[in-house]
Protein backbone atom coordinates (compact mmCIF):
# COMPACT_ATOMS: atom_id res chain seq x y z
CA UNK A 1 -0.06 -0.03 0.01
CA UNK A 2 2.72 2.27 0.59
CA UNK A 3 4.12 1.99 -2.86
CA UNK A 4 0.62 3.56 -4.28
CA UNK A 5 0.83 6.58 -1.87
CA UNK A 6 4.45 7.15 -3.25
CA UNK A 7 3.49 6.75 -6.81
CA UNK A 8 0.37 9.20 -6.57
CA UNK A 9 2.66 12.25 -5.55
CA UNK A 10 4.89 11.62 -8.79
CA UNK A 11 1.93 10.90 -11.08
CA UNK A 12 0.42 14.22 -10.09
CA UNK A 13 3.61 16.15 -10.54
CA UNK A 14 3.74 14.31 -14.06
CA UNK A 15 0.50 15.54 -15.04
CA UNK A 16 1.02 18.95 -13.89
CA UNK A 17 3.98 19.31 -15.85
CA UNK A 18 2.29 17.81 -19.03
CA UNK A 19 -0.63 20.08 -18.64
CA UNK A 20 0.97 23.52 -19.71
CA UNK A 21 1.54 21.91 -22.88
CA UNK A 22 -1.90 20.77 -23.64
CA UNK A 23 -2.81 24.52 -23.57
CA UNK A 24 -0.67 25.70 -26.53
CA UNK A 25 -2.86 26.76 -29.49
CA UNK A 26 -2.00 27.67 -32.98
CA UNK A 27 -4.99 29.70 -34.26
CA UNK A 28 -3.28 31.26 -37.55
CA UNK A 29 -0.18 30.56 -39.78
CA UNK A 30 1.68 33.91 -41.08
CA UNK A 31 0.00 33.23 -44.44
CA UNK A 32 -3.56 33.12 -42.76
CA UNK A 33 -2.65 36.40 -40.85
CA UNK A 34 -1.62 37.95 -43.61
CA UNK A 35 -4.83 37.23 -45.34
CA UNK A 36 -7.09 38.11 -42.61
CA UNK A 37 -4.96 41.63 -41.88
CA UNK A 38 -4.97 42.56 -45.58
CA UNK A 39 -7.46 40.58 -47.40
CA UNK A 40 -7.47 42.80 -50.59
CA UNK A 41 -3.39 42.29 -50.85
CA UNK A 42 -2.34 40.46 -53.97
CA UNK A 43 1.22 39.79 -52.83
CA UNK A 44 3.29 39.85 -49.59
CA UNK A 45 6.90 40.56 -50.11
CA UNK A 46 8.69 39.63 -47.11
CA UNK A 47 11.76 41.81 -45.42
CA UNK A 48 13.79 42.07 -42.39
CA UNK A 49 14.02 45.56 -40.74
CA UNK A 50 17.28 45.93 -39.47
CA UNK A 51 17.42 49.05 -37.58
CA UNK A 52 20.68 51.05 -36.77
CA UNK A 53 21.83 52.27 -33.29
CA UNK A 54 20.07 55.70 -33.84
CA UNK A 55 16.87 53.85 -35.11
CA UNK A 56 16.78 52.11 -31.74
CA UNK A 57 16.98 54.91 -29.66
CA UNK A 58 14.57 56.74 -31.33
CA UNK A 59 11.91 53.79 -31.21
CA UNK A 60 12.74 53.72 -27.46
CA UNK A 61 12.25 57.34 -26.86
CA UNK A 62 8.80 56.62 -28.90
CA UNK A 63 7.59 53.54 -26.77
CA UNK A 64 8.78 54.08 -23.69
CA UNK A 65 10.09 50.74 -23.83
CA UNK A 66 13.47 49.08 -24.68
CA UNK A 67 13.84 48.13 -28.26
CA UNK A 68 14.67 44.58 -27.69
CA UNK A 69 15.67 43.54 -31.01
CA UNK A 70 17.48 45.31 -33.91
CA UNK A 71 16.08 42.69 -36.40
CA UNK A 72 12.33 42.18 -37.49
CA UNK A 73 10.50 39.99 -39.22
CA UNK A 74 8.24 41.90 -41.36
CA UNK A 75 6.12 41.64 -44.54
CA UNK A 76 4.87 44.75 -47.22
CA UNK A 77 1.43 43.80 -48.36
CA UNK A 78 0.52 44.91 -52.19
CA UNK A 79 -2.44 44.96 -54.25
CA UNK A 80 -0.84 45.16 -57.45
CA UNK A 81 1.89 47.67 -57.22
CA UNK A 82 0.54 49.89 -54.52
CA UNK A 83 1.78 49.32 -51.13
CA UNK A 84 -1.45 48.51 -48.86
CA UNK A 85 0.76 48.66 -45.55
CA UNK A 86 2.81 46.22 -43.73
CA UNK A 87 2.97 43.29 -41.01
CA UNK A 88 5.63 42.99 -38.05
CA UNK A 89 5.50 39.48 -36.49
CA UNK A 90 6.64 39.56 -32.76
CA UNK A 91 6.66 37.08 -29.98
CA UNK A 92 6.11 38.26 -26.13
CA UNK A 93 6.22 36.59 -22.67
CA UNK A 94 2.53 36.31 -21.33
CA UNK A 95 2.92 35.07 -18.07
CA UNK A 96 5.57 31.90 -18.64
CA UNK A 97 5.04 31.18 -22.43
CA UNK A 98 5.29 32.95 -25.48
CA UNK A 99 2.63 34.52 -27.54
CA UNK A 100 3.18 34.85 -31.00
CA UNK A 101 1.25 37.83 -32.94
CA UNK A 102 0.86 40.03 -35.82
CA UNK A 103 0.51 43.67 -36.16
CA UNK A 104 -0.67 45.33 -39.35
CA UNK A 105 0.44 48.71 -40.22
CA UNK A 106 -0.75 51.39 -42.48
CA UNK A 107 1.64 53.15 -44.48
CA UNK A 108 0.82 56.31 -42.07
CA UNK A 109 2.38 53.73 -39.13
CA UNK A 110 -1.25 53.32 -37.66
CA UNK A 111 -2.41 49.93 -36.44
CA UNK A 112 -4.97 48.18 -39.24
CA UNK A 113 -5.10 44.87 -36.97
CA UNK A 114 -3.70 42.73 -34.55
CA UNK A 115 -3.70 38.94 -34.93
CA UNK A 116 -2.86 36.58 -32.61
CA UNK A 117 -1.18 33.34 -33.90
CA UNK A 118 -0.14 31.24 -31.14
CA UNK A 119 -0.90 31.56 -27.30
CA UNK A 120 0.71 28.93 -25.13
CA UNK A 121 -0.61 29.79 -21.84
CA UNK A 122 -3.42 28.11 -19.76
CA UNK A 123 -4.97 31.35 -18.89
CA UNK A 124 -5.54 34.55 -20.58
CA UNK A 125 -6.20 33.32 -24.34
CA UNK A 126 -9.33 35.82 -23.90
CA UNK A 127 -6.55 38.44 -25.79
CA UNK A 128 -7.64 36.78 -28.90
CA UNK A 129 -11.27 38.36 -28.72
CA UNK A 130 -12.04 40.45 -31.68
CA UNK A 131 -13.63 43.02 -29.19
CA UNK A 132 -9.92 43.32 -27.56
CA UNK A 133 -7.92 43.54 -30.44
CA UNK A 134 -10.25 46.29 -31.87
CA UNK A 135 -9.14 48.59 -29.39
CA UNK A 136 -5.43 48.89 -31.03
CA UNK A 137 -6.74 49.67 -34.18
CA UNK A 138 -6.34 53.41 -35.72
CA UNK A 139 -3.63 53.58 -32.83
CA UNK A 140 -0.13 55.12 -33.27
CA UNK A 141 2.91 55.13 -31.05
CA UNK A 142 2.07 59.19 -30.14
CA UNK A 143 -1.43 57.56 -29.21
CA UNK A 144 -3.06 55.62 -26.03
CA UNK A 145 -1.20 52.58 -26.54
CA UNK A 146 -1.14 51.04 -22.69
CA UNK A 147 -3.26 49.37 -20.44
CA UNK A 148 -5.66 51.89 -18.60
CA UNK A 149 -4.74 54.59 -21.64
CA UNK A 150 -6.68 53.61 -24.82
CA UNK A 151 -6.25 49.93 -24.04
CA UNK A 152 -8.34 47.79 -21.28
CA UNK A 153 -7.72 45.12 -19.24
CA UNK A 154 -8.79 41.73 -19.24
CA UNK A 155 -9.28 39.94 -15.82
CA UNK A 156 -7.07 36.97 -15.37
CA UNK A 157 -5.19 37.86 -18.52
CA UNK A 158 -3.50 40.99 -17.03
CA UNK A 159 0.11 39.50 -18.02
CA UNK A 160 -0.84 38.74 -21.89
CA UNK A 161 -2.78 42.20 -22.18
CA UNK A 162 0.10 44.07 -20.52
CA UNK A 163 2.64 42.23 -22.63
CA UNK A 164 0.95 42.31 -25.86
CA UNK A 165 0.04 45.93 -25.43
CA UNK A 166 3.76 46.69 -25.03
CA UNK A 167 4.95 44.61 -27.97
CA UNK A 168 2.11 46.46 -30.30
CA UNK A 169 3.50 49.72 -28.68
CA UNK A 170 6.79 48.82 -29.70
CA UNK A 171 5.75 47.87 -33.15
CA UNK A 172 3.98 51.36 -33.83
CA UNK A 173 7.16 52.93 -32.77
CA UNK A 174 9.42 50.76 -35.08
CA UNK A 175 6.38 51.88 -37.92
CA UNK A 176 6.64 55.55 -37.28
CA UNK A 177 10.89 55.32 -37.52
CA UNK A 178 11.10 52.90 -39.90
CA UNK A 179 8.42 52.29 -42.41
CA UNK A 180 5.92 55.53 -42.29
CA UNK A 181 5.57 56.75 -45.87
């Protein structure tokens, strides 16, 4: 009987460790996000944005956050030869795990749309809600892009909300510094 009791805690620990992986959800591929953000586009051209030190410093000043990276994966969206805008991909930490998302930007550096590509946390997936993501539309690096200032928090998803919002603010600053036409 003692052997059964000794195994039960190990089984519990084993199941608890496995549970976090069970929550990983891939919502969209990059290609699906591109079509969701710019459905009218006829072509997407990949580009890596490589920032200079000066651009990173400008970005940090605009965002009020560390630039975090000099290289950003992005795509330009076109309808025939006309530039529609850009899509920038990023990952942020939710509470413990990565959240992958895409930000669609117009040529004037305003946010067109935010899409959650994958969410790996056990709680907070409500950030994928269209109503929550809609709050970003039309915002720029200079407008209310922080929790409590233009973006509402979701109870139970505070860290996910905060980190995605910070990421979008960082990308909006990137757009202002590097992409704005």
